[in-house]
Amino acid sequence: MSSVARQMWEATERYHQLCYWAPEVREEGTRVGLKGFWMNYFATRVAPLGPVNPEVVESLFFYYAPERIRRAIPDAWGYATPQAILEARYIGMDQALKRELGSLVSSEEVLQAAETVKTAVEKIDGTGRTLFTGWNALPWPDEPHLVLWHGCTVLREHRSGCHLIALAIEELDGPQSVITQVAVNEAPTEWIQHEAGWSDDIVLEATIKLRDKGWLDEQGHATSSCYEGRARIEKLTDQMNAQHWTQLGTEKCEQLASLLGAINSHLPKDDQLDWREIYPKDDTQN
């Protein structure tokens, strides 16, 4: 049975994730000067921290190859200011949510969910969660559907920070993190190179290190140590991400999960949570 922290992450993640796929968000990013999907992705996600250098982005977006990040950052800041990028993201999300949700966008369900998410965010101690702190420092929007999106984004970035800490404790770097996630059948193989952008040489080097660590066997399959290590990572992530949900209380969490379940049914699938439905079956995985 999933922990409350994981259940609430899944519910809030599904509302947040529209920002990566909605054409309106990319169109607004392009309008202010951003170029292409990846520049839009990195710049809009890190913009609350200001015009940071590539090294900062690499430390926070450990999953992605530095070469992929450096094709977007710092060039993005020469095309648009972080403030303009943030404004564009909210304008795009306003348009996208209205299109996806229709009349539901102004419903009592969205209002209630927004109020509960805001309460949950107010209970968080964000020490060491840099992206969370950046997003949480922004002013709350006025419209309930954007309050809900902003709150889900803040919550999502808190969990991503917890996950980064858990991976660091297990001494996994970026390529090792995604390779082991694929090895235990929690991600598609496409993520290693097609999405994250790791080169053949880096993948080979990371695979050798994971064999030496005892997490992969000679065929590249996950060992029991790998499964145990990945389980520790998820357990610790849940533990670090649980306090605000515990303080919110079981009844409020269940109400929010129910509200978001109904709202999220109108949104596209999430490629992280629903990857088995989105990506072709890979018979090479365990």
Foldseek 3Di string as FASTA:
>chain_A
DDDLLVLLLVLLCLLQQVLLPQVQLVVLLVVQFADDSLLLVQLQLCLLVWLDALVVSCLLPQQADSVSSVVRPPVSCVRHTSVSSPVSSLVSSVVRLCVLQPPCQQDPLLQLLLVLLVQLLVPDDQVQLVSLVSLVPDDQDDRSSSSSNSSSSSLNSSLSRQLSVLCVVVVATNLLVVLLCVLVPQAPPCSNPVNRNDDPVRNVVSLVVCVVVVQAPPVSHGDPVSVVSVVSSVVRSSVNSPPSVVVSPDVSSVSSSVSSVVSSVSPDDDCNVPVPVVDPDDPVHD
